Amino acid sequence: MTGYGLRNYAELDVQRYKRIFGNVMKACALAQQKTEAWISASVLNRVTKLGRAEKLKLKLMRMVP
C-alpha cells in the first residue's frame, strides 16, 4: 500500500471518530482526556472490527465439458 493510501485510511478513521464522538472532548484535565481518548478509540476499534467483512481468497475453477 502506498503512503497516500495509508493517509487516506487515517483520514477516514479520524472522520469516523469525530462523527461518532464529536469534535470536542468532554474532559478538562489532560489525564482524563487521555483516558477518554483511549476508551473511545477502543470502542471505535471494536465497532470497526465487528463491521468489517472478512477477506476470502477464492480460486477460480474452470468448467471442463
PDB file of N, CA and C in Angstrom:
ATOM      1  N   MET A   1       0.840  -1.170   0.000  1.00  0.00           N
ATOM      2  CA  MET A   1       0.000   0.000   0.000  1.00  0.00           C
ATOM      3  C   MET A   1       0.888   1.237   0.000  1.00  0.00           C
ATOM      4  N   THR A   2       0.481   2.244  -0.728  1.00  0.00           N
ATOM      5  CA  THR A   2       1.279   3.461  -0.835  1.00  0.00           C
ATOM      6  C   THR A   2       1.067   4.355   0.368  1.00  0.00           C
ATOM      7  N   GLY A   3       1.902   5.368   0.486  1.00  0.00           N
ATOM      8  CA  GLY A   3       1.770   6.338   1.566  1.00  0.00           C
ATOM      9  C   GLY A   3       0.448   7.085   1.492  1.00  0.00           C
ATOM     10  N   TYR A   4       0.008   7.377   0.248  1.00  0.00           N
ATOM     11  CA  TYR A   4      -1.270   8.077   0.089  1.00  0.00           C
ATOM     12  C   TYR A   4      -2.422   7.216   0.580  1.00  0.00           C
ATOM     13  N   GLY A   5      -2.382   5.923   0.314  1.00  0.00           N
ATOM     14  CA  GLY A   5      -3.447   5.026   0.760  1.00  0.00           C
ATOM     15  C   GLY A   5      -3.534   4.956   2.273  1.00  0.00           C
ATOM     16  N   LEU A   6      -2.374   4.909   2.935  1.00  0.00           N
ATOM     17  CA  LEU A   6      -2.355   4.889   4.399  1.00  0.00           C
ATOM     18  C   LEU A   6      -2.897   6.192   4.974  1.00  0.00           C
ATOM     19  N   ARG A   7      -2.515   7.307   4.360  1.00  0.00           N
ATOM     20  CA  ARG A   7      -3.009   8.601   4.822  1.00  0.00           C
ATOM     21  C   ARG A   7      -4.521   8.698   4.643  1.00  0.00           C
ATOM     22  N   ASN A   8      -5.021   8.162   3.537  1.00  0.00           N
ATOM     23  CA  ASN A   8      -6.455   8.164   3.283  1.00  0.00           C
ATOM     24  C   ASN A   8      -7.198   7.364   4.353  1.00  0.00           C
ATOM     25  N   TYR A   9      -6.687   6.186   4.715  1.00  0.00           N
ATOM     26  CA  TYR A   9      -7.298   5.387   5.773  1.00  0.00           C
ATOM     27  C   TYR A   9      -7.284   6.135   7.104  1.00  0.00           C
ATOM     28  N   ALA A  10      -6.190   6.812   7.401  1.00  0.00           N
ATOM     29  CA  ALA A  10      -6.100   7.566   8.655  1.00  0.00           C
ATOM     30  C   ALA A  10      -7.123   8.697   8.678  1.00  0.00           C
ATOM     31  N   GLU A  11      -7.278   9.399   7.559  1.00  0.00           N
ATOM     32  CA  GLU A  11      -8.257  10.478   7.495  1.00  0.00           C
ATOM     33  C   GLU A  11      -9.674   9.944   7.648  1.00  0.00           C
ATOM     34  N   LEU A  12      -9.967   8.818   7.063  1.00  0.00           N
ATOM     35  CA  LEU A  12     -11.293   8.221   7.216  1.00  0.00           C
ATOM     36  C   LEU A  12     -11.561   7.822   8.660  1.00  0.00           C
ATOM     37  N   ASP A  13     -10.542   7.298   9.332  1.00  0.00           N
ATOM     38  CA  ASP A  13     -10.705   6.923  10.737  1.00  0.00           C
ATOM     39  C   ASP A  13     -10.968   8.146  11.617  1.00  0.00           C
ATOM     40  N   VAL A  14     -10.270   9.252  11.343  1.00  0.00           N
ATOM     41  CA  VAL A  14     -10.494  10.476  12.114  1.00  0.00           C
ATOM     42  C   VAL A  14     -11.902  11.005  11.860  1.00  0.00           C
ATOM     43  N   GLN A  15     -12.348  10.984  10.611  1.00  0.00           N
ATOM     44  CA  GLN A  15     -13.708  11.422  10.299  1.00  0.00           C
ATOM     45  C   GLN A  15     -14.739  10.552  11.014  1.00  0.00           C
ATOM     46  N   ARG A  16     -14.526   9.250  11.012  1.00  0.00           N
ATOM     47  CA  ARG A  16     -15.434   8.334  11.703  1.00  0.00           C
ATOM     48  C   ARG A  16     -15.450   8.613  13.204  1.00  0.00           C
ATOM     49  N   TYR A  17     -14.284   8.851  13.778  1.00  0.00           N
ATOM     50  CA  TYR A  17     -14.177   9.162  15.207  1.00  0.00           C
ATOM     51  C   TYR A  17     -14.972  10.425  15.537  1.00  0.00           C
ATOM     52  N   LYS A  18     -14.769  11.480  14.746  1.00  0.00           N
ATOM     53  CA  LYS A  18     -15.453  12.748  15.000  1.00  0.00           C
ATOM     54  C   LYS A  18     -16.962  12.621  14.801  1.00  0.00           C
ATOM     55  N   ARG A  19     -17.376  11.845  13.829  1.00  0.00           N
ATOM     56  CA  ARG A  19     -18.802  11.674  13.567  1.00  0.00           C
ATOM     57  C   ARG A  19     -19.482  10.952  14.733  1.00  0.00           C
ATOM     58  N   ILE A  20     -18.811   9.995  15.337  1.00  0.00           N
ATOM     59  CA  ILE A  20     -19.402   9.224  16.429  1.00  0.00           C
ATOM     60  C   ILE A  20     -19.285   9.956  17.759  1.00  0.00           C
ATOM     61  N   PHE A  21     -18.094  10.490  18.072  1.00  0.00           N
ATOM     62  CA  PHE A  21     -17.832  11.039  19.402  1.00  0.00           C
ATOM     63  C   PHE A  21     -17.832  12.563  19.451  1.00  0.00           C
ATOM     64  N   GLY A  22     -17.874  13.233  18.308  1.00  0.00           N
ATOM     65  CA  GLY A  22     -17.877  14.693  18.287  1.00  0.00           C
ATOM     66  C   GLY A  22     -16.481  15.268  18.153  1.00  0.00           C
ATOM     67  N   ASN A  23     -16.427  16.595  17.967  1.00  0.00           N
ATOM     68  CA  ASN A  23     -15.147  17.284  17.747  1.00  0.00           C
ATOM     69  C   ASN A  23     -14.437  17.659  19.037  1.00  0.00           C
ATOM     70  N   VAL A  24     -15.160  17.692  20.148  1.00  0.00           N
ATOM     71  CA  VAL A  24     -14.609  18.206  21.395  1.00  0.00           C
ATOM     72  C   VAL A  24     -14.622  17.113  22.455  1.00  0.00           C
ATOM     73  N   MET A  25     -13.541  17.068  23.234  1.00  0.00           N
ATOM     74  CA  MET A  25     -13.507  16.132  24.356  1.00  0.00           C
ATOM     75  C   MET A  25     -14.319  16.702  25.503  1.00  0.00           C
ATOM     76  N   LYS A  26     -14.922  15.842  26.292  1.00  0.00           N
ATOM     77  CA  LYS A  26     -15.752  16.265  27.423  1.00  0.00           C
ATOM     78  C   LYS A  26     -14.905  16.583  28.652  1.00  0.00           C
ATOM     79  N   ALA A  27     -13.771  15.893  28.817  1.00  0.00           N
ATOM     80  CA  ALA A  27     -12.920  16.069  29.996  1.00  0.00           C
ATOM     81  C   ALA A  27     -12.091  17.349  29.868  1.00  0.00           C
ATOM     82  N   CYS A  28     -11.765  17.950  31.006  1.00  0.00           N
ATOM     83  CA  CYS A  28     -10.970  19.183  31.023  1.00  0.00           C
ATOM     84  C   CYS A  28      -9.485  18.919  31.285  1.00  0.00           C
ATOM     85  N   ALA A  29      -9.182  18.050  32.231  1.00  0.00           N
ATOM     86  CA  ALA A  29      -7.791  17.775  32.604  1.00  0.00           C
ATOM     87  C   ALA A  29      -7.160  16.800  31.611  1.00  0.00           C
ATOM     88  N   LEU A  30      -5.844  16.926  31.439  1.00  0.00           N
ATOM     89  CA  LEU A  30      -5.122  16.115  30.463  1.00  0.00           C
ATOM     90  C   LEU A  30      -5.219  14.621  30.758  1.00  0.00           C
ATOM     91  N   ALA A  31      -5.117  14.246  32.024  1.00  0.00           N
ATOM     92  CA  ALA A  31      -5.179  12.821  32.379  1.00  0.00           C
ATOM     93  C   ALA A  31      -6.536  12.223  31.996  1.00  0.00           C
ATOM     94  N   GLN A  32      -7.601  12.965  32.248  1.00  0.00           N
ATOM     95  CA  GLN A  32      -8.932  12.475  31.893  1.00  0.00           C
ATOM     96  C   GLN A  32      -9.139  12.482  30.380  1.00  0.00           C
ATOM     97  N   GLN A  33      -8.528  13.428  29.670  1.00  0.00           N
ATOM     98  CA  GLN A  33      -8.612  13.456  28.206  1.00  0.00           C
ATOM     99  C   GLN A  33      -7.922  12.243  27.606  1.00  0.00           C
ATOM    100  N   LYS A  34      -6.775  11.860  28.188  1.00  0.00           N
ATOM    101  CA  LYS A  34      -6.077  10.669  27.712  1.00  0.00           C
ATOM    102  C   LYS A  34      -6.946   9.429  27.904  1.00  0.00           C
ATOM    103  N   THR A  35      -7.590   9.334  29.071  1.00  0.00           N
ATOM    104  CA  THR A  35      -8.465   8.196  29.346  1.00  0.00           C
ATOM    105  C   THR A  35      -9.654   8.195  28.397  1.00  0.00           C
ATOM    106  N   GLU A  36     -10.239   9.362  28.176  1.00  0.00           N
ATOM    107  CA  GLU A  36     -11.383   9.476  27.261  1.00  0.00           C
ATOM    108  C   GLU A  36     -10.996   9.063  25.842  1.00  0.00           C
ATOM    109  N   ALA A  37      -9.841   9.519  25.377  1.00  0.00           N
ATOM    110  CA  ALA A  37      -9.377   9.167  24.035  1.00  0.00           C
ATOM    111  C   ALA A  37      -9.114   7.668  23.932  1.00  0.00           C
ATOM    112  N   TRP A  38      -8.504   7.085  24.970  1.00  0.00           N
ATOM    113  CA  TRP A  38      -8.216   5.647  24.955  1.00  0.00           C
ATOM    114  C   TRP A  38      -9.499   4.834  24.900  1.00  0.00           C
ATOM    115  N   ILE A  39     -10.488   5.192  25.727  1.00  0.00           N
ATOM    116  CA  ILE A  39     -11.755   4.454  25.754  1.00  0.00           C
ATOM    117  C   ILE A  39     -12.497   4.594  24.431  1.00  0.00           C
ATOM    118  N   SER A  40     -12.583   5.809  23.913  1.00  0.00           N
ATOM    119  CA  SER A  40     -13.323   5.998  22.666  1.00  0.00           C
ATOM    120  C   SER A  40     -12.610   5.330  21.486  1.00  0.00           C
ATOM    121  N   ALA A  41     -11.281   5.333  21.465  1.00  0.00           N
ATOM    122  CA  ALA A  41     -10.549   4.637  20.402  1.00  0.00           C
ATOM    123  C   ALA A  41     -10.758   3.128  20.506  1.00  0.00           C
ATOM    124  N   SER A  42     -10.801   2.606  21.728  1.00  0.00           N
ATOM    125  CA  SER A  42     -11.054   1.173  21.916  1.00  0.00           C
ATOM    126  C   SER A  42     -12.444   0.790  21.427  1.00  0.00           C
ATOM    127  N   VAL A  43     -13.425   1.633  21.749  1.00  0.00           N
ATOM    128  CA  VAL A  43     -14.799   1.386  21.290  1.00  0.00           C
ATOM    129  C   VAL A  43     -14.864   1.442  19.766  1.00  0.00           C
ATOM    130  N   LEU A  44     -14.217   2.448  19.182  1.00  0.00           N
ATOM    131  CA  LEU A  44     -14.228   2.586  17.722  1.00  0.00           C
ATOM    132  C   LEU A  44     -13.563   1.387  17.053  1.00  0.00           C
ATOM    133  N   ASN A  45     -12.453   0.902  17.609  1.00  0.00           N
ATOM    134  CA  ASN A  45     -11.783  -0.271  17.048  1.00  0.00           C
ATOM    135  C   ASN A  45     -12.682  -1.503  17.119  1.00  0.00           C
ATOM    136  N   ARG A  46     -13.381  -1.667  18.223  1.00  0.00           N
ATOM    137  CA  ARG A  46     -14.266  -2.821  18.383  1.00  0.00           C
ATOM    138  C   ARG A  46     -15.431  -2.759  17.390  1.00  0.00           C
ATOM    139  N   VAL A  47     -16.029  -1.589  17.246  1.00  0.00           N
ATOM    140  CA  VAL A  47     -17.146  -1.421  16.311  1.00  0.00           C
ATOM    141  C   VAL A  47     -16.681  -1.636  14.869  1.00  0.00           C
ATOM    142  N   THR A  48     -15.508  -1.101  14.550  1.00  0.00           N
ATOM    143  CA  THR A  48     -14.966  -1.264  13.204  1.00  0.00           C
ATOM    144  C   THR A  48     -14.684  -2.734  12.909  1.00  0.00           C
ATOM    145  N   LYS A  49     -14.128  -3.432  13.887  1.00  0.00           N
ATOM    146  CA  LYS A  49     -13.824  -4.853  13.703  1.00  0.00           C
ATOM    147  C   LYS A  49     -15.100  -5.666  13.487  1.00  0.00           C
ATOM    148  N   LEU A  50     -16.167  -5.321  14.191  1.00  0.00           N
ATOM    149  CA  LEU A  50     -17.428  -6.037  14.026  1.00  0.00           C
ATOM    150  C   LEU A  50     -18.048  -5.789  12.654  1.00  0.00           C
ATOM    151  N   GLY A  51     -17.819  -4.587  12.110  1.00  0.00           N
ATOM    152  CA  GLY A  51     -18.470  -4.219  10.861  1.00  0.00           C
ATOM    153  C   GLY A  51     -17.710  -4.564   9.598  1.00  0.00           C
ATOM    154  N   ARG A  52     -16.467  -4.953   9.712  1.00  0.00           N
ATOM    155  CA  ARG A  52     -15.671  -5.250   8.515  1.00  0.00           C
ATOM    156  C   ARG A  52     -15.913  -6.667   8.042  1.00  0.00           C
ATOM    157  N   ALA A  53     -16.002  -6.796   6.753  1.00  0.00           N
ATOM    158  CA  ALA A  53     -16.153  -8.117   6.171  1.00  0.00           C
ATOM    159  C   ALA A  53     -14.792  -8.812   6.110  1.00  0.00           C
ATOM    160  N   GLU A  54     -14.812 -10.111   6.249  1.00  0.00           N
ATOM    161  CA  GLU A  54     -13.575 -10.862   6.140  1.00  0.00           C
ATOM    162  C   GLU A  54     -13.216 -11.036   4.674  1.00  0.00           C
ATOM    163  N   LYS A  55     -11.933 -10.991   4.402  1.00  0.00           N
ATOM    164  CA  LYS A  55     -11.464 -11.182   3.039  1.00  0.00           C
ATOM    165  C   LYS A  55     -11.223 -12.663   2.804  1.00  0.00           C
ATOM    166  N   LEU A  56     -11.747 -13.154   1.721  1.00  0.00           N
ATOM    167  CA  LEU A  56     -11.535 -14.548   1.348  1.00  0.00           C
ATOM    168  C   LEU A  56     -10.870 -14.607  -0.011  1.00  0.00           C
ATOM    169  N   LYS A  57      -9.900 -15.439  -0.125  1.00  0.00           N
ATOM    170  CA  LYS A  57      -9.235 -15.624  -1.398  1.00  0.00           C
ATOM    171  C   LYS A  57      -9.921 -16.789  -2.099  1.00  0.00           C
ATOM    172  N   LEU A  58     -10.511 -16.493  -3.227  1.00  0.00           N
ATOM    173  CA  LEU A  58     -11.234 -17.518  -3.965  1.00  0.00           C
ATOM    174  C   LEU A  58     -10.413 -17.995  -5.143  1.00  0.00           C
ATOM    175  N   LYS A  59     -10.465 -19.270  -5.376  1.00  0.00           N
ATOM    176  CA  LYS A  59      -9.766 -19.829  -6.510  1.00  0.00           C
ATOM    177  C   LYS A  59     -10.790 -20.058  -7.615  1.00  0.00           C
ATOM    178  N   LEU A  60     -10.501 -19.505  -8.777  1.00  0.00           N
ATOM    179  CA  LEU A  60     -11.404 -19.660  -9.906  1.00  0.00           C
ATOM    180  C   LEU A  60     -11.265 -21.076 -10.471  1.00  0.00           C
ATOM    181  N   MET A  61     -12.393 -21.701 -10.664  1.00  0.00           N
ATOM    182  CA  MET A  61     -12.389 -23.062 -11.203  1.00  0.00           C
ATOM    183  C   MET A  61     -12.846 -22.997 -12.651  1.00  0.00           C
ATOM    184  N   ARG A  62     -12.182 -23.727 -13.453  1.00  0.00           N
ATOM    185  CA  ARG A  62     -12.505 -23.767 -14.873  1.00  0.00           C
ATOM    186  C   ARG A  62     -13.438 -24.941 -15.123  1.00  0.00           C
ATOM    187  N   MET A  63     -14.542 -24.657 -15.766  1.00  0.00           N
ATOM    188  CA  MET A  63     -15.508 -25.697 -16.074  1.00  0.00           C
ATOM    189  C   MET A  63     -15.040 -26.469 -17.311  1.00  0.00           C
ATOM    190  N   VAL A  64     -14.878 -27.753 -17.166  1.00  0.00           N
ATOM    191  CA  VAL A  64     -14.449 -28.603 -18.289  1.00  0.00           C
ATOM    192  C   VAL A  64     -15.666 -29.381 -18.771  1.00  0.00           C
ATOM    193  N   PRO A  65     -15.985 -29.288 -20.051  1.00  0.00           N
ATOM    194  CA  PRO A  65     -17.164 -30.008 -20.548  1.00  0.00           C
ATOM    195  C   PRO A  65     -16.967 -31.526 -20.607  1.00  0.00           C
TER     196      PRO A  65
END
